[in-house]
Amino acid sequence: MKQDSNQDRTQDGTNDGVIVLRDITKRFGGKVVLDNVSLGIEKGKTTVVIGPSGCGKTVLIKHLIVLLRPNLGQVYYRDQRIDNLSERKLNTIRTHYGFLFQGGALFDSLSVTENIIFPIRQHCEITDWAQVEDLVKAKLAMVGLDGFQNSFPANLSGGQRKRVALARAIALNPEVILYDEPTTGLDPIYSDVISELILKLQRELGVTSVVVTHDMTMAYKVADRIIMLHNGKIIADGDADHIHNHPHPIVQQFIKGQVGEDDLAVLRMSGTASQAQFLPRDFQ
């Protein structure tokens, strides 16, 4: 049954999901960044997280892989609680995840091949290098960069670096891929390339994807589900049509890229130049 366009999905955190957050609160000092957030990430679907800068999007995605641990609440992967595991045990869990960092996070001193096999060397003992070369070739072909094996990040464009980072993210055949602002710094064409790759990986590999982005063109294109964070809470949750037509004024302000009336009033205030300003003659 199609959901009511004015009704957000239930956020009880008990729904089926390959990853589940239950009542997550995260504080940094006295600042609450996530405020009792519950969320289930559906297997094989693409969930997009949107919201203004500083609202907790990256903090949320890091909790999914326990790069950050909550002050309160629990994180589950396939019904196993993981936020209370040791780093050693988490390393095994993390082999089921791929993470595309905002800046790509490639190692400049390593070739493309060496970057892609980095997670393999961390988690596996390599005995068959021919097999590894075939794997690198296959992963680069998946992102349209076969032939760049011996290149270095400094010789690649921003979009190519993101695609190499994505090839590295899928090196261990993860079940879940987390994307943190994957189109930041890219022009609209390269941004669309990344969107197409997200769709391709979901279609061909059956992965579960979580995408943090400000890019509403990408969000509408790749999302099965869009979640909006504001002041540490989920204020909207549904498919692209639901978000596009959402009645909440903060949601509409964000997706349309509009300045709020209060902020606009401040920006438009008239005023005079400060009397304390210095003039060139003051220094003569």
Protein backbone atom coordinates (compact mmCIF):
# COMPACT_ATOMS: atom_id res chain seq x y z
CA MET A 1 0.00 0.00 0.00
CA LYS A 2 1.38 3.44 -0.93
CA GLN A 3 1.86 5.63 2.11
CA ASP A 4 -0.18 8.77 2.63
CA SER A 5 1.76 11.69 1.13
CA ASN A 6 1.30 13.65 4.36
CA GLN A 7 2.32 10.85 6.70
CA ASP A 8 5.90 10.09 7.70
CA ARG A 9 7.05 6.55 8.28
CA THR A 10 7.04 5.24 11.84
CA GLN A 11 10.37 5.77 13.62
CA ASP A 12 10.27 3.13 16.34
CA GLY A 13 13.59 1.46 15.42
CA THR A 14 12.04 -1.99 15.78
CA ASN A 15 11.26 -2.51 12.09
CA ASP A 16 13.26 -5.05 10.14
CA GLY A 17 16.57 -3.73 8.90
CA VAL A 18 20.05 -4.94 8.15
CA ILE A 19 21.20 -2.11 10.46
CA VAL A 20 19.04 -0.76 13.27
CA LEU A 21 19.61 2.25 15.50
CA ARG A 22 17.58 2.26 18.70
CA ASP A 23 17.15 5.43 20.76
CA ILE A 24 20.56 6.84 19.79
CA THR A 25 21.75 9.95 21.58
CA LYS A 26 25.17 11.44 20.85
CA ARG A 27 26.65 14.43 22.65
CA PHE A 28 29.89 16.30 22.12
CA GLY A 29 30.49 18.20 25.33
CA GLY A 30 27.21 19.91 26.10
CA LYS A 31 25.95 19.81 22.52
CA VAL A 32 23.39 17.13 21.63
CA VAL A 33 23.98 16.17 17.98
CA LEU A 34 21.66 13.13 17.79
CA ASP A 35 18.62 13.22 20.04
CA ASN A 36 17.00 9.83 20.69
CA VAL A 37 17.09 8.73 17.03
CA SER A 38 15.66 5.35 16.01
CA LEU A 39 16.02 4.04 12.48
CA GLY A 40 16.04 0.77 10.53
CA ILE A 41 18.05 0.54 7.30
CA GLU A 42 16.28 -1.75 4.84
CA LYS A 43 18.24 -4.46 3.07
CA GLY A 44 18.88 -3.90 -0.63
CA LYS A 45 17.48 -0.36 -0.59
CA THR A 46 19.08 3.08 -0.83
CA THR A 47 18.38 5.35 2.13
CA VAL A 48 19.36 9.01 1.69
CA VAL A 49 19.96 11.29 4.68
CA ILE A 50 19.55 15.03 4.08
CA GLY A 51 19.61 18.09 6.30
CA PRO A 52 21.43 21.38 6.90
CA SER A 53 25.11 21.54 7.80
CA GLY A 54 25.74 20.57 11.41
CA CYS A 55 22.48 18.67 11.83
CA GLY A 56 24.20 15.34 12.55
CA LYS A 57 24.18 13.56 9.17
CA THR A 58 27.81 12.45 9.22
CA VAL A 59 27.58 11.63 12.93
CA LEU A 60 24.58 9.42 12.15
CA ILE A 61 26.31 7.52 9.36
CA LYS A 62 29.39 6.96 11.51
CA HIS A 63 27.20 5.32 14.14
CA LEU A 64 26.01 2.78 11.55
CA ILE A 65 29.54 1.41 11.34
CA VAL A 66 30.44 2.36 14.96
CA LEU A 67 33.18 4.78 14.00
CA LEU A 68 31.41 6.74 16.74
CA ARG A 69 29.73 5.15 19.76
CA PRO A 70 26.50 6.53 21.22
CA ASN A 71 26.17 8.05 24.67
CA LEU A 72 22.79 6.32 24.90
CA GLY A 73 21.07 3.70 22.74
CA GLN A 74 22.14 0.67 20.73
CA VAL A 75 23.32 -0.17 17.22
CA TYR A 76 22.49 -3.56 15.65
CA TYR A 77 23.84 -5.26 12.53
CA ARG A 78 21.81 -8.32 11.50
CA ASP A 79 20.22 -8.48 14.96
CA GLN A 80 23.62 -8.44 16.70
CA ARG A 81 24.36 -5.49 18.93
CA ILE A 82 27.65 -3.98 17.78
CA ASP A 83 28.11 -0.61 19.55
CA ASN A 84 29.43 -2.42 22.64
CA LEU A 85 31.94 -4.64 20.80
CA SER A 86 35.70 -4.31 21.07
CA GLU A 87 37.60 -2.82 18.14
CA ARG A 88 38.97 -6.26 17.30
CA LYS A 89 35.48 -7.73 16.98
CA LEU A 90 34.26 -4.65 15.14
CA ASN A 91 36.97 -5.14 12.50
CA THR A 92 35.27 -8.40 11.51
CA ILE A 93 31.84 -6.72 11.35
CA ARG A 94 33.24 -3.88 9.27
CA THR A 95 34.32 -6.23 6.48
CA HIS A 96 30.60 -6.29 5.59
CA TYR A 97 30.66 -2.50 5.06
CA GLY A 98 32.18 -0.24 2.45
CA PHE A 99 32.65 3.46 3.26
CA LEU A 100 33.11 6.23 0.69
CA PHE A 101 34.50 9.17 2.66
CA GLN A 102 33.64 12.74 1.71
CA GLY A 103 37.11 13.56 0.38
CA GLY A 104 37.71 10.06 -1.00
CA ALA A 105 40.54 9.57 1.54
CA LEU A 106 42.90 7.95 -0.95
CA PHE A 107 46.53 7.49 0.03
CA ASP A 108 48.53 9.86 -2.19
CA SER A 109 51.71 7.77 -1.95
CA LEU A 110 49.95 4.60 -3.15
CA SER A 111 48.95 3.71 -6.70
CA VAL A 112 45.34 3.09 -7.63
CA THR A 113 45.90 -0.67 -7.32
CA GLU A 114 47.55 -0.29 -3.91
CA ASN A 115 44.70 1.91 -2.70
CA ILE A 116 42.08 -0.62 -3.78
CA ILE A 117 43.80 -3.60 -2.19
CA PHE A 118 44.48 -1.72 1.07
CA PRO A 119 41.38 -3.10 2.87
CA ILE A 120 42.13 -6.58 1.51
CA ARG A 121 45.63 -6.47 3.00
CA GLN A 122 44.17 -5.28 6.30
CA HIS A 123 41.73 -8.15 6.62
CA CYS A 124 43.10 -11.00 4.50
CA GLU A 125 46.36 -12.79 3.84
CA ILE A 126 47.10 -12.48 0.13
CA THR A 127 48.52 -15.66 -1.37
CA ASP A 128 47.41 -15.36 -4.99
CA TRP A 129 48.47 -12.02 -6.48
CA ALA A 130 47.10 -12.91 -9.91
CA GLN A 131 43.68 -13.25 -8.33
CA VAL A 132 44.12 -9.87 -6.64
CA GLU A 133 45.01 -8.26 -9.98
CA ASP A 134 41.85 -9.73 -11.48
CA LEU A 135 39.84 -8.36 -8.56
CA VAL A 136 41.29 -4.86 -8.97
CA LYS A 137 40.55 -4.97 -12.69
CA ALA A 138 36.96 -6.03 -12.02
CA LYS A 139 36.38 -3.31 -9.40
CA LEU A 140 37.85 -0.61 -11.63
CA ALA A 141 35.75 -1.84 -14.55
CA MET A 142 32.70 -1.55 -12.29
CA VAL A 143 33.38 2.19 -11.87
CA GLY A 144 34.58 2.73 -15.44
CA LEU A 145 38.30 3.12 -14.70
CA ASP A 146 39.94 -0.10 -15.85
CA GLY A 147 43.38 0.86 -17.15
CA PHE A 148 44.16 3.27 -14.31
CA GLN A 149 45.76 0.60 -12.10
CA ASN A 150 49.21 2.20 -12.08
CA SER A 151 48.08 5.81 -11.79
CA PHE A 152 48.47 7.86 -8.62
CA PRO A 153 45.74 10.04 -7.02
CA ALA A 154 47.59 13.27 -7.86
CA ASN A 155 47.21 12.49 -11.57
CA LEU A 156 43.46 11.93 -11.36
CA SER A 157 40.57 14.38 -11.55
CA GLY A 158 38.29 14.86 -8.54
CA GLY A 159 35.63 12.66 -10.08
CA GLN A 160 38.14 9.93 -10.90
CA ARG A 161 39.45 9.96 -7.34
CA LYS A 162 35.93 9.50 -6.02
CA ARG A 163 35.44 6.54 -8.37
CA VAL A 164 38.71 4.93 -7.27
CA ALA A 165 37.63 5.42 -3.65
CA LEU A 166 34.35 3.72 -4.53
CA ALA A 167 36.24 0.82 -6.14
CA ARG A 168 38.16 0.48 -2.87
CA ALA A 169 34.90 0.61 -0.88
CA ILE A 170 33.61 -2.45 -2.77
CA ALA A 171 36.90 -4.39 -2.69
CA LEU A 172 35.66 -6.79 0.00
CA ASN A 173 32.22 -7.25 -1.64
CA PRO A 174 30.38 -5.48 1.19
CA GLU A 175 26.72 -5.92 1.96
CA VAL A 176 26.36 -2.26 3.00
CA ILE A 177 27.94 0.82 1.39
CA LEU A 178 27.96 4.13 3.25
CA TYR A 179 28.45 7.31 1.20
CA ASP A 180 29.37 10.55 3.00
CA GLU A 181 28.65 13.54 0.72
CA PRO A 182 29.82 11.66 -2.41
CA THR A 183 29.29 14.58 -4.81
CA THR A 184 31.00 17.31 -2.77
CA GLY A 185 33.40 19.28 -4.98
CA LEU A 186 32.17 17.69 -8.22
CA ASP A 187 30.55 19.41 -11.17
CA PRO A 188 26.99 18.39 -12.16
CA ILE A 189 28.19 15.88 -14.77
CA TYR A 190 30.53 14.03 -12.41
CA SER A 191 27.86 14.22 -9.70
CA ASP A 192 25.48 12.41 -12.02
CA VAL A 193 28.19 9.80 -12.74
CA ILE A 194 28.34 9.07 -9.00
CA SER A 195 24.55 8.82 -8.85
CA GLU A 196 24.56 6.35 -11.73
CA LEU A 197 27.25 4.28 -9.98
CA ILE A 198 25.19 4.14 -6.78
CA LEU A 199 22.24 2.85 -8.80
CA LYS A 200 24.47 0.40 -10.67
CA LEU A 201 25.94 -1.10 -7.50
CA GLN A 202 22.52 -1.51 -5.97
CA ARG A 203 21.21 -3.11 -9.14
CA GLU A 204 24.14 -5.40 -9.96
CA LEU A 205 25.50 -6.22 -6.50
CA GLY A 206 22.29 -5.99 -4.47
CA VAL A 207 23.97 -3.80 -1.86
CA THR A 208 22.27 -1.80 0.85
CA SER A 209 23.23 1.87 0.53
CA VAL A 210 23.09 4.84 2.89
CA VAL A 211 23.89 8.21 1.30
CA VAL A 212 24.47 11.45 3.20
CA THR A 213 24.09 14.42 0.86
CA HIS A 214 23.06 18.05 0.38
CA ASP A 215 22.52 17.31 -3.32
CA MET A 216 18.76 17.06 -3.84
CA THR A 217 19.16 16.11 -7.51
CA MET A 218 21.13 13.04 -6.37
CA ALA A 219 18.74 12.36 -3.50
CA TYR A 220 15.69 12.25 -5.76
CA LYS A 221 17.50 10.10 -8.32
CA VAL A 222 18.95 7.35 -6.12
CA ALA A 223 16.72 7.18 -3.05
CA ASP A 224 14.18 4.54 -2.20
CA ARG A 225 13.75 6.46 1.04
CA ILE A 226 14.77 9.96 2.17
CA ILE A 227 15.23 10.98 5.80
CA MET A 228 15.70 14.57 6.92
CA LEU A 229 17.53 15.47 10.12
CA HIS A 230 17.02 18.77 11.93
CA ASN A 231 18.34 19.66 15.37
CA GLY A 232 19.34 16.04 15.94
CA LYS A 233 15.93 14.57 15.19
CA ILE A 234 14.27 12.97 12.17
CA ILE A 235 11.58 15.40 10.99
CA ALA A 236 10.69 13.77 7.65
CA ASP A 237 10.86 10.21 6.34
CA GLY A 238 9.47 8.82 3.11
CA ASP A 239 10.01 8.37 -0.61
CA ALA A 240 11.01 11.16 -2.99
CA ASP A 241 7.43 12.24 -3.70
CA HIS A 242 6.65 12.38 0.00
CA ILE A 243 9.66 14.58 0.74
CA HIS A 244 9.04 16.78 -2.30
CA ASN A 245 5.50 17.50 -1.09
CA HIS A 246 6.21 17.47 2.64
CA PRO A 247 4.17 20.05 4.60
CA HIS A 248 6.89 20.92 7.13
CA PRO A 249 8.22 24.42 6.31
CA ILE A 250 11.79 23.50 7.31
CA VAL A 251 11.74 20.57 4.88
CA GLN A 252 10.48 22.81 2.07
CA GLN A 253 13.03 25.50 2.90
CA PHE A 254 15.86 22.96 2.68
CA ILE A 255 14.84 21.13 -0.49
CA LYS A 256 14.19 24.41 -2.30
CA GLY A 257 17.41 26.00 -1.03
CA GLN A 258 15.62 29.02 0.41
CA VAL A 259 16.79 31.30 3.20
CA GLY A 260 14.38 31.36 6.16
CA GLU A 261 12.32 34.51 6.70
CA ASP A 262 14.06 35.36 9.99
CA ASP A 263 17.53 35.00 8.44
CA LEU A 264 16.41 36.94 5.38
CA ALA A 265 15.13 39.79 7.53
CA VAL A 266 18.53 40.07 9.25
CA LEU A 267 20.38 40.02 5.91
CA ARG A 268 18.14 42.79 4.54
CA MET A 269 18.48 45.10 7.53
CA SER A 270 19.71 48.54 6.57
CA GLY A 271 22.63 50.03 8.44
CA THR A 272 25.46 52.49 8.25
CA ALA A 273 29.20 51.96 8.07
CA SER A 274 30.80 51.60 11.45
CA GLN A 275 32.31 54.80 12.81
CA ALA A 276 35.30 52.77 13.88
CA GLN A 277 36.28 52.00 10.28
CA PHE A 278 39.71 53.23 9.22
CA LEU A 279 40.27 55.20 6.03
CA PRO A 280 43.42 55.09 3.85
CA ARG A 281 44.42 58.59 5.03
CA ASP A 282 44.58 57.35 8.60
CA PHE A 283 47.71 55.42 7.69
CA GLN A 284 49.46 58.21 5.80
